[in-house]
Amino acid sequence: MVKTRFAPSPTGFLHIGGVRTALFSWLYARQQKGQFVLRIEDTDRERSTQASVDAIMDGMHWLGLDYDEGPIYQTQRFDRYKAVIDQLLAEGKAYYCYASQEELDQMREAQRERGEKPRYDGRYRDFTGTPPQGVKPVIRFKNPQEGSVVIEDLVKGPITVANSELDDLIIARSDGTPTYNLTVVVDDWDMGMTHVIRGDDHINNTPRQINLYQALNAPVPKFAHIPMVLGSDGARLSKRHGAVSVLQYKEEGFLPEALLNYLVRLGWSHGDQEIFTLEEMVAHFSLEAVNTAPSTFNEEKLLWINQQHIQTTPLSNLTANLKPFMDERGLDTEQGPSLAAVADLLRERARTLVEMADSARYFYSEFDEFDPVATKKHLRPVAETPLHTLRDKLARLEDWSAKPIHECVQTTAAELEVGMGKVGMPFRVAITGGGQSPSIDATAELIGQSRCLARMDRALAVIEVRKSQNG
């Protein structure tokens, strides 16, 4: 059975690059009907925080990336790591290294002067003498010195690294705590990982880890290293490019399905298809279709994909996601039209739920003033007669729905022998406060008859003031 994992370090927020790694691992497990594990790599005690753990958990929950096991915390497994390190020492596959920091610095400087690659030279590999005083040793793994390691990478193809290029890596620090390369091998072994899908910034670690697996007589998982996500300037994604916490995208009004859709297309494709449901991603995903070149983060593309999902997501889902944004703005959606009806009307234009919530204000609360630009253009003295005539017709309507409202606008324009815009635009500004809205008849239906008439009276009063100022 296929088993994958996502193993973030809780030393900061869960960002876009991490989420894409989690998504690819999750998709592969689901596509192969396997299992997906969440592991928290929290051995860096100085930098790991509970706030970061919470942000990871909240982000995974919001995105709907459910896991079959976990969260598993590395800090709860120190006894297991120690047992493995002791085993490697007992079998002569690891050793104590007493080199001081000063000694290592001098060694590397001498190597640079000789034009060599700076690296540990194995000086304590076969040491049998008396340990130097005052040095707390680290423990190093005895990397094979002959032959090569071949990574059969599922994305990049075969990668061969000569063992002579690899030095003896540290597997336990001088305080006894295990290092990343040791813990990740033990964890993936114990947890039965069949596939390790991670960023290609880990490629340098992989040959060392394969040698560790083999030294432990453990099965070696298959590796898939996915290319980095870059900013628009070609540099590694950072905060200035939008590498913010994934939860910030939630706050900015992105749908989780849209964010996942955008991320899956960063480095993977299925024909020319751009918009995917989660079910379609699971059905079509394959590691063979992952690109080998880095991907570029593009916020405009993300906004476009979010807009497509807002237009097509089931209305119940859209309404549930919109409600918190309405609450944040103090808009009581119990007092006014159905939020589902408002969301359905606004979904064609909104790129984010923030935009949608801001556009929905006039359905649930009164505006303090009309937009100055729209007022100057459309609430002019010449608009008084069309607006007054339309108000009289709307006041007599017994069926307050879009079709009769539209007919009233049409009839008014015909009677006054003016274009529809000469009636519709003053009406729009009057009932919404501005010059932009969805279809005005459907908008008026949801605002309600009494509210529309009262707002038209306010607009007529504004026109009256402008008339007196001009007079």
Protein backbone atom coordinates (compact mmCIF):
# COMPACT_ATOMS: atom_id res chain seq x y z
CA MET A 1 0.00 0.00 0.00
CA VAL A 2 1.24 3.48 -0.92
CA LYS A 3 2.04 5.69 2.07
CA THR A 4 3.12 9.33 1.87
CA ARG A 5 3.66 12.06 4.42
CA PHE A 6 3.87 15.79 4.94
CA ALA A 7 6.49 16.68 7.53
CA PRO A 8 6.69 20.43 8.24
CA SER A 9 8.90 22.04 10.88
CA PRO A 10 6.88 24.27 13.24
CA THR A 11 9.38 27.13 13.08
CA GLY A 12 7.11 29.51 11.17
CA PHE A 13 3.83 29.63 9.31
CA LEU A 14 2.58 27.13 6.75
CA HIS A 15 3.26 28.85 3.42
CA ILE A 16 2.48 28.25 -0.25
CA GLY A 17 5.54 26.09 -0.98
CA GLY A 18 4.81 23.83 1.97
CA VAL A 19 1.14 23.52 1.06
CA ARG A 20 1.99 22.48 -2.50
CA THR A 21 4.28 19.73 -1.15
CA ALA A 22 1.49 18.61 1.19
CA LEU A 23 -1.02 18.68 -1.68
CA PHE A 24 1.12 16.59 -4.04
CA SER A 25 1.76 14.03 -1.28
CA TRP A 26 -1.94 13.98 -0.34
CA LEU A 27 -3.09 13.67 -3.97
CA TYR A 28 -0.72 10.80 -4.70
CA ALA A 29 -1.86 8.89 -1.60
CA ARG A 30 -5.55 9.45 -2.40
CA GLN A 31 -5.08 8.65 -6.10
CA GLN A 32 -3.32 5.39 -5.22
CA LYS A 33 -5.90 4.58 -2.51
CA GLY A 34 -3.08 4.74 0.04
CA GLN A 35 -2.49 6.58 3.30
CA PHE A 36 -1.31 10.09 4.09
CA VAL A 37 0.49 10.95 7.34
CA LEU A 38 1.10 14.30 9.05
CA ARG A 39 4.35 14.46 10.99
CA ILE A 40 5.56 17.50 12.91
CA GLU A 41 9.36 17.73 12.79
CA ASP A 42 9.83 19.71 15.98
CA THR A 43 13.32 18.65 17.08
CA ASP A 44 14.57 22.25 16.73
CA ARG A 45 13.37 23.13 20.21
CA GLU A 46 14.70 26.68 20.17
CA ARG A 47 12.77 27.70 17.05
CA SER A 48 9.70 25.43 17.24
CA THR A 49 6.59 27.05 18.70
CA GLN A 50 3.10 25.92 19.60
CA ALA A 51 1.73 28.85 17.58
CA SER A 52 3.39 27.41 14.47
CA VAL A 53 2.00 23.94 15.22
CA ASP A 54 -1.48 25.47 15.55
CA ALA A 55 -1.05 27.37 12.26
CA ILE A 56 -0.06 24.15 10.47
CA MET A 57 -3.06 22.27 11.88
CA ASP A 58 -5.48 25.12 11.12
CA GLY A 59 -4.13 25.47 7.58
CA MET A 60 -4.45 21.75 6.84
CA HIS A 61 -7.99 21.74 8.25
CA TRP A 62 -9.07 24.78 6.21
CA LEU A 63 -7.67 23.27 3.02
CA GLY A 64 -9.37 19.94 3.68
CA LEU A 65 -6.10 17.96 3.45
CA ASP A 66 -7.16 15.23 5.86
CA TYR A 67 -4.60 12.74 7.15
CA ASP A 68 -4.93 9.09 8.10
CA GLU A 69 -2.27 9.18 10.84
CA GLY A 70 -0.97 11.98 12.98
CA PRO A 71 -0.03 14.46 13.93
CA ILE A 72 3.10 12.56 15.00
CA TYR A 73 5.67 14.66 16.88
CA GLN A 74 9.37 13.89 16.60
CA THR A 75 10.03 15.18 20.13
CA GLN A 76 8.05 12.20 21.42
CA ARG A 77 10.41 9.78 19.67
CA PHE A 78 13.82 10.70 21.14
CA ASP A 79 14.19 7.28 22.81
CA ARG A 80 13.77 5.59 19.43
CA TYR A 81 16.37 7.82 17.76
CA LYS A 82 18.83 7.18 20.58
CA ALA A 83 18.36 3.41 20.20
CA VAL A 84 19.13 3.63 16.47
CA ILE A 85 22.21 5.80 17.06
CA ASP A 86 23.44 3.33 19.72
CA GLN A 87 22.88 0.49 17.25
CA LEU A 88 24.96 2.24 14.57
CA LEU A 89 27.75 2.87 17.10
CA ALA A 90 27.70 -0.77 18.26
CA GLU A 91 27.88 -2.02 14.68
CA GLY A 92 30.81 0.26 13.85
CA LYS A 93 28.68 2.26 11.40
CA ALA A 94 28.97 5.48 13.39
CA TYR A 95 31.63 7.07 15.59
CA TYR A 96 32.35 9.88 18.03
CA CYS A 97 34.00 12.90 16.43
CA TYR A 98 35.98 15.14 18.80
CA ALA A 99 36.89 17.87 16.32
CA SER A 100 36.42 21.30 17.92
CA GLN A 101 34.81 24.14 16.00
CA GLU A 102 38.21 25.85 15.77
CA GLU A 103 39.75 22.66 14.36
CA LEU A 104 36.97 22.33 11.77
CA ASP A 105 37.33 25.98 10.72
CA GLN A 106 41.09 25.56 10.20
CA MET A 107 40.54 22.34 8.24
CA ARG A 108 38.03 24.01 5.89
CA GLU A 109 40.19 27.08 5.40
CA ALA A 110 43.14 24.88 4.40
CA GLN A 111 40.89 23.02 1.95
CA ARG A 112 39.76 26.29 0.37
CA GLU A 113 43.37 27.42 -0.02
CA ARG A 114 44.11 24.18 -1.87
CA GLY A 115 41.11 24.77 -4.12
CA GLU A 116 39.18 21.87 -2.61
CA LYS A 117 35.51 21.68 -1.63
CA PRO A 118 35.28 22.38 2.15
CA ARG A 119 34.12 19.24 3.95
CA TYR A 120 34.83 17.09 6.97
CA ASP A 121 37.90 14.96 6.25
CA GLY A 122 37.05 11.96 8.44
CA ARG A 123 39.94 12.55 10.86
CA TYR A 124 38.16 10.80 13.75
CA ARG A 125 36.59 8.05 11.62
CA ASP A 126 38.97 5.34 12.87
CA PHE A 127 40.20 7.13 16.01
CA THR A 128 41.29 4.80 18.86
CA GLY A 129 43.37 7.19 20.95
CA THR A 130 42.58 9.15 24.10
CA PRO A 131 39.78 11.68 23.47
CA PRO A 132 40.90 15.33 23.82
CA GLN A 133 39.86 17.12 26.99
CA GLY A 134 36.99 19.60 27.05
CA VAL A 135 35.38 18.61 23.75
CA LYS A 136 31.84 17.26 23.71
CA PRO A 137 31.81 14.94 20.72
CA VAL A 138 29.22 14.76 17.99
CA ILE A 139 28.32 11.39 16.46
CA ARG A 140 28.95 10.93 12.75
CA PHE A 141 27.70 8.27 10.36
CA LYS A 142 30.38 6.30 8.50
CA ASN A 143 29.37 7.05 4.95
CA PRO A 144 30.62 4.46 2.42
CA GLN A 145 33.78 5.67 0.72
CA GLU A 146 33.47 3.62 -2.46
CA GLY A 147 30.81 3.34 -5.12
CA SER A 148 27.85 5.57 -5.90
CA VAL A 149 24.30 6.25 -4.77
CA VAL A 150 21.61 6.23 -7.47
CA ILE A 151 18.38 8.11 -6.74
CA GLU A 152 15.64 6.78 -9.04
CA ASP A 153 13.75 10.06 -8.81
CA LEU A 154 10.12 9.82 -9.96
CA VAL A 155 10.15 13.43 -11.19
CA LYS A 156 13.72 14.16 -12.24
CA GLY A 157 14.80 10.72 -13.40
CA PRO A 158 17.96 8.88 -12.21
CA ILE A 159 20.49 10.95 -10.23
CA THR A 160 23.91 9.42 -9.47
CA VAL A 161 26.13 10.72 -6.67
CA ALA A 162 29.60 9.30 -5.93
CA ASN A 163 30.10 8.39 -2.26
CA SER A 164 33.48 10.13 -2.45
CA GLU A 165 31.51 13.38 -2.75
CA LEU A 166 29.76 12.80 0.57
CA ASP A 167 31.41 13.34 3.94
CA ASP A 168 30.46 11.66 7.22
CA LEU A 169 27.32 13.48 8.28
CA ILE A 170 26.52 14.31 11.90
CA ILE A 171 23.64 12.19 13.21
CA ALA A 172 23.74 13.42 16.84
CA ARG A 173 24.81 16.83 18.08
CA SER A 174 27.19 17.34 21.00
CA ASP A 175 24.19 17.67 23.36
CA GLY A 176 22.95 14.25 22.20
CA THR A 177 19.98 15.50 20.14
CA PRO A 178 19.53 13.72 16.80
CA THR A 179 19.84 15.62 13.52
CA TYR A 180 17.33 15.93 10.70
CA ASN A 181 18.91 13.35 8.40
CA LEU A 182 18.81 10.69 11.13
CA THR A 183 15.30 11.41 12.42
CA VAL A 184 13.69 11.56 8.99
CA VAL A 185 15.16 8.19 7.99
CA VAL A 186 14.06 6.50 11.23
CA ASP A 187 10.58 8.03 11.02
CA ASP A 188 10.00 7.12 7.38
CA TRP A 189 11.25 3.60 8.09
CA ASP A 190 9.13 3.09 11.22
CA MET A 191 6.03 4.60 9.62
CA GLY A 192 6.31 2.49 6.47
CA MET A 193 6.64 5.33 3.98
CA THR A 194 6.70 4.02 0.43
CA HIS A 195 7.04 7.40 -1.29
CA VAL A 196 8.79 10.56 -0.10
CA ILE A 197 7.52 13.57 -2.07
CA ARG A 198 9.30 16.79 -1.15
CA GLY A 199 10.93 19.94 -2.52
CA ASP A 200 14.07 19.57 -4.60
CA ASP A 201 15.99 21.62 -2.02
CA HIS A 202 16.27 18.23 -0.25
CA ILE A 203 18.09 16.48 -3.10
CA ASN A 204 21.48 16.95 -1.41
CA ASN A 205 20.18 15.10 1.65
CA THR A 206 18.78 12.14 -0.28
CA PRO A 207 21.99 10.19 -1.10
CA ARG A 208 23.10 10.48 2.53
CA GLN A 209 19.70 9.23 3.68
CA ILE A 210 19.75 6.32 1.24
CA ASN A 211 23.12 5.25 2.71
CA LEU A 212 21.60 5.45 6.19
CA TYR A 213 18.63 3.28 5.17
CA GLN A 214 21.01 0.70 3.79
CA ALA A 215 23.21 0.76 6.90
CA LEU A 216 20.07 0.04 8.96
CA ASN A 217 18.92 -2.72 6.55
CA ALA A 218 15.74 -0.69 6.11
CA PRO A 219 13.69 -0.56 2.88
CA VAL A 220 14.46 2.56 0.84
CA PRO A 221 11.34 4.52 -0.15
CA LYS A 222 10.86 5.94 -3.63
CA PHE A 223 11.72 9.63 -3.93
CA ALA A 224 10.04 12.40 -5.90
CA HIS A 225 11.66 15.83 -5.68
CA ILE A 226 9.38 18.59 -6.92
CA PRO A 227 10.88 21.85 -8.23
CA MET A 228 10.78 25.05 -6.22
CA VAL A 229 8.17 27.79 -6.47
CA LEU A 230 9.78 31.08 -7.52
CA GLY A 231 8.66 34.69 -7.33
CA SER A 232 7.99 36.72 -10.49
CA ASP A 233 11.60 37.96 -10.37
CA GLY A 234 12.98 34.41 -10.54
CA ALA A 235 14.13 34.41 -6.91
CA ARG A 236 13.02 31.84 -4.36
CA LEU A 237 9.54 32.63 -3.10
CA SER A 238 9.61 34.93 -0.06
CA LYS A 239 7.22 37.18 1.86
CA ARG A 240 7.57 39.96 -0.68
CA HIS A 241 6.24 37.63 -3.39
CA GLY A 242 3.29 36.45 -1.32
CA ALA A 243 4.86 33.57 0.61
CA VAL A 244 2.68 34.43 3.55
CA SER A 245 0.83 32.10 5.88
CA VAL A 246 -1.74 30.05 4.02
CA LEU A 247 -4.31 31.33 6.52
CA GLN A 248 -3.77 34.85 5.18
CA TYR A 249 -5.30 33.67 1.92
CA LYS A 250 -8.31 32.60 3.93
CA GLU A 251 -8.51 36.08 5.46
CA GLU A 252 -8.18 37.66 2.00
CA GLY A 253 -11.25 35.79 0.79
CA PHE A 254 -9.86 32.89 -1.22
CA LEU A 255 -11.76 29.61 -1.35
CA PRO A 256 -9.65 26.65 -0.19
CA GLU A 257 -10.57 24.69 -3.33
CA ALA A 258 -9.34 27.58 -5.50
CA LEU A 259 -6.02 27.81 -3.68
CA LEU A 260 -5.48 24.06 -4.06
CA ASN A 261 -6.46 24.30 -7.76
CA TYR A 262 -3.89 27.07 -8.25
CA LEU A 263 -1.17 25.16 -6.42
CA VAL A 264 -1.72 21.90 -8.28
CA ARG A 265 -1.14 23.80 -11.54
CA LEU A 266 2.18 25.13 -10.22
CA GLY A 267 4.28 22.40 -11.75
CA TRP A 268 1.65 19.88 -12.85
CA SER A 269 -0.75 19.77 -15.77
CA HIS A 270 -3.48 17.63 -17.29
CA GLY A 271 -3.88 18.64 -20.91
CA ASP A 272 -5.06 22.24 -21.19
CA GLN A 273 -7.43 22.04 -18.23
CA GLU A 274 -7.09 24.96 -15.80
CA ILE A 275 -10.01 24.56 -13.40
CA PHE A 276 -10.19 21.40 -11.29
CA THR A 277 -12.41 20.15 -8.52
CA LEU A 278 -10.64 18.24 -5.78
CA GLU A 279 -12.15 15.02 -7.14
CA GLU A 280 -10.70 15.76 -10.60
CA MET A 281 -7.27 16.45 -9.12
CA VAL A 282 -7.31 13.09 -7.34
CA ALA A 283 -8.49 11.29 -10.48
CA HIS A 284 -5.88 12.77 -12.82
CA PHE A 285 -2.81 13.41 -10.66
CA SER A 286 0.42 11.59 -11.46
CA LEU A 287 4.03 12.19 -10.49
CA GLU A 288 5.08 11.55 -14.09
CA ALA A 289 3.22 14.71 -15.15
CA VAL A 290 5.04 16.94 -12.65
CA ASN A 291 7.31 19.42 -14.45
CA THR A 292 11.05 19.36 -13.81
CA ALA A 293 11.41 23.16 -14.10
CA PRO A 294 10.60 25.60 -11.27
CA SER A 295 7.18 27.29 -11.25
CA THR A 296 6.48 31.00 -10.89
CA PHE A 297 3.93 32.29 -8.40
CA ASN A 298 1.43 34.67 -10.01
CA GLU A 299 -1.16 36.37 -7.81
CA GLU A 300 -3.25 37.54 -10.78
CA LYS A 301 -3.64 33.94 -11.94
CA LEU A 302 -4.60 32.92 -8.41
CA LEU A 303 -7.28 35.66 -8.35
CA TRP A 304 -8.62 34.49 -11.71
CA ILE A 305 -8.85 30.88 -10.53
CA ASN A 306 -10.56 32.03 -7.32
CA GLN A 307 -13.11 33.94 -9.40
CA GLN A 308 -13.83 30.83 -11.48
CA HIS A 309 -14.43 28.80 -8.31
CA ILE A 310 -16.66 31.50 -6.81
CA GLN A 311 -18.79 31.29 -9.97
CA THR A 312 -19.09 27.49 -9.97
CA THR A 313 -18.87 26.30 -6.36
CA PRO A 314 -22.14 24.94 -4.91
CA LEU A 315 -24.17 27.82 -3.48
CA SER A 316 -24.35 26.26 -0.01
CA ASN A 317 -20.54 26.07 0.10
CA LEU A 318 -20.15 29.63 -1.18
CA THR A 319 -22.63 30.96 1.37
CA ALA A 320 -20.94 29.14 4.27
CA ASN A 321 -17.58 30.62 3.27
CA LEU A 322 -19.04 34.11 2.79
CA LYS A 323 -20.90 34.29 6.12
CA PRO A 324 -17.83 34.98 8.35
CA PHE A 325 -16.89 37.96 6.14
CA MET A 326 -20.39 39.38 6.53
CA ASP A 327 -20.17 38.92 10.30
CA GLU A 328 -16.80 40.71 10.38
CA ARG A 329 -18.45 43.73 8.77
CA GLY A 330 -21.27 43.75 11.30
CA LEU A 331 -23.85 42.89 8.64
CA ASP A 332 -26.84 41.06 10.10
CA THR A 333 -27.77 38.62 7.35
CA GLU A 334 -30.86 37.53 9.29
CA GLN A 335 -32.34 40.99 8.68
CA GLY A 336 -32.61 41.23 4.92
CA PRO A 337 -32.60 38.99 1.87
CA SER A 338 -31.35 35.42 1.87
CA LEU A 339 -27.53 35.40 1.92
CA ALA A 340 -27.59 32.57 -0.63
CA ALA A 341 -29.60 34.75 -3.03
CA VAL A 342 -27.21 37.68 -2.55
CA ALA A 343 -24.17 35.44 -3.03
CA ASP A 344 -25.68 33.98 -6.19
CA LEU A 345 -26.29 37.46 -7.58
CA LEU A 346 -22.81 38.75 -6.75
CA ARG A 347 -20.77 35.67 -7.69
CA GLU A 348 -20.33 36.65 -11.37
CA ARG A 349 -18.22 39.72 -10.58
CA ALA A 350 -16.41 38.99 -7.31
CA ARG A 351 -12.79 37.82 -7.40
CA THR A 352 -12.64 37.21 -3.62
CA LEU A 353 -15.06 36.76 -0.74
CA VAL A 354 -13.78 40.09 0.63
CA GLU A 355 -14.93 41.83 -2.56
CA MET A 356 -18.24 39.98 -2.37
CA ALA A 357 -18.86 40.94 1.26
CA ASP A 358 -18.01 44.58 0.56
CA SER A 359 -20.38 44.57 -2.42
CA ALA A 360 -23.15 43.07 -0.29
CA ARG A 361 -23.30 45.89 2.27
CA TYR A 362 -26.24 47.76 0.70
CA PHE A 363 -28.44 44.66 0.94
CA TYR A 364 -28.22 44.66 4.74
CA SER A 365 -27.38 48.19 5.91
CA GLU A 366 -28.05 51.78 4.94
CA PHE A 367 -25.23 53.79 3.40
CA ASP A 368 -24.36 57.19 4.87
CA GLU A 369 -23.95 58.93 1.52
CA PHE A 370 -24.03 58.34 -2.19
CA ASP A 371 -20.75 57.83 -4.04
CA PRO A 372 -19.60 61.35 -5.07
CA VAL A 373 -18.49 60.36 -8.59
CA ALA A 374 -21.70 58.44 -9.29
CA THR A 375 -23.78 61.26 -7.78
CA LYS A 376 -22.13 63.91 -9.93
CA LYS A 377 -22.72 61.84 -13.06
CA HIS A 378 -26.16 60.33 -12.48
CA LEU A 379 -28.04 62.24 -9.76
CA ARG A 380 -28.28 65.43 -11.79
CA PRO A 381 -31.37 67.64 -12.10
CA VAL A 382 -32.09 66.01 -15.47
CA ALA A 383 -32.53 62.68 -13.64
CA GLU A 384 -35.33 64.00 -11.40
CA THR A 385 -38.23 63.27 -13.74
CA PRO A 386 -37.11 59.72 -14.72
CA LEU A 387 -36.44 58.82 -11.09
CA HIS A 388 -39.72 60.32 -9.87
CA THR A 389 -41.74 58.62 -12.60
CA LEU A 390 -40.09 55.27 -11.90
CA ARG A 391 -40.64 55.64 -8.15
CA ASP A 392 -44.37 56.14 -8.69
CA LYS A 393 -44.60 53.00 -10.81
CA LEU A 394 -42.53 50.92 -8.35
CA ALA A 395 -44.66 52.11 -5.40
CA ARG A 396 -47.75 50.66 -7.11
CA LEU A 397 -46.15 47.26 -7.81
CA GLU A 398 -47.86 44.36 -6.05
CA ASP A 399 -45.41 41.75 -7.36
CA TRP A 400 -41.98 42.93 -6.19
CA SER A 401 -39.78 40.73 -8.38
CA ALA A 402 -37.17 41.31 -11.05
CA LYS A 403 -39.40 40.99 -14.13
CA PRO A 404 -42.06 43.57 -13.13
CA ILE A 405 -39.31 45.90 -11.83
CA HIS A 406 -37.54 45.65 -15.20
CA GLU A 407 -40.81 46.38 -16.98
CA CYS A 408 -41.26 49.53 -14.88
CA VAL A 409 -37.83 50.77 -15.94
CA GLN A 410 -38.59 49.94 -19.57
CA THR A 411 -42.00 51.65 -19.51
CA THR A 412 -40.56 54.77 -17.85
CA ALA A 413 -37.86 55.07 -20.50
CA ALA A 414 -40.42 54.61 -23.28
CA GLU A 415 -42.85 57.18 -21.83
CA LEU A 416 -40.13 59.79 -21.42
CA GLU A 417 -38.54 58.87 -24.75
CA VAL A 418 -35.07 58.41 -23.17
CA GLY A 419 -32.60 55.57 -23.25
CA MET A 420 -32.81 52.85 -20.59
CA GLY A 421 -29.56 54.11 -19.06
CA LYS A 422 -31.15 57.50 -18.30
CA VAL A 423 -33.58 55.68 -16.01
CA GLY A 424 -31.54 52.67 -14.91
CA MET A 425 -28.37 54.48 -13.81
CA PRO A 426 -30.05 57.04 -11.49
CA PHE A 427 -32.10 54.11 -10.12
CA ARG A 428 -28.91 52.08 -9.53
CA VAL A 429 -27.14 54.94 -7.70
CA ALA A 430 -30.29 55.65 -5.70
CA ILE A 431 -30.74 52.13 -4.32
CA THR A 432 -27.09 50.95 -4.04
CA GLY A 433 -25.28 54.21 -3.35
CA GLY A 434 -22.87 53.73 -6.25
CA GLY A 435 -22.54 53.17 -9.97
CA GLN A 436 -21.68 49.46 -9.91
CA SER A 437 -23.99 46.53 -9.16
CA PRO A 438 -25.31 43.35 -10.73
CA SER A 439 -28.50 43.45 -12.80
CA ILE A 440 -30.46 46.35 -11.30
CA ASP A 441 -33.87 44.64 -11.38
CA ALA A 442 -32.55 41.55 -9.53
CA THR A 443 -30.66 43.83 -7.12
CA ALA A 444 -33.81 45.86 -6.39
CA GLU A 445 -35.81 42.67 -5.81
CA LEU A 446 -33.40 41.57 -3.07
CA ILE A 447 -33.10 44.99 -1.44
CA GLY A 448 -36.87 45.05 -1.05
CA GLN A 449 -39.64 47.46 -2.01
CA SER A 450 -39.79 49.69 1.07
CA ARG A 451 -35.99 50.08 1.23
CA CYS A 452 -35.78 50.91 -2.49
CA LEU A 453 -38.52 53.53 -2.28
CA ALA A 454 -36.95 55.16 0.79
CA ARG A 455 -33.55 55.30 -0.89
CA MET A 456 -35.07 56.78 -4.05
CA ASP A 457 -36.61 59.50 -1.89
CA ARG A 458 -33.13 60.22 -0.49
CA ALA A 459 -31.73 60.40 -4.02
CA LEU A 460 -34.49 62.77 -5.12
CA ALA A 461 -33.67 64.97 -2.12
CA VAL A 462 -30.02 65.07 -3.27
CA ILE A 463 -31.14 66.10 -6.76
CA GLU A 464 -33.32 68.82 -5.21
CA VAL A 465 -30.28 70.20 -3.35
CA ARG A 466 -28.22 70.18 -6.55
CA LYS A 467 -31.03 72.02 -8.35
CA SER A 468 -31.08 74.75 -5.71
CA GLN A 469 -27.28 75.06 -5.84
CA ASN A 470 -27.41 75.42 -9.62
CA GLY A 471 -30.30 77.82 -9.45
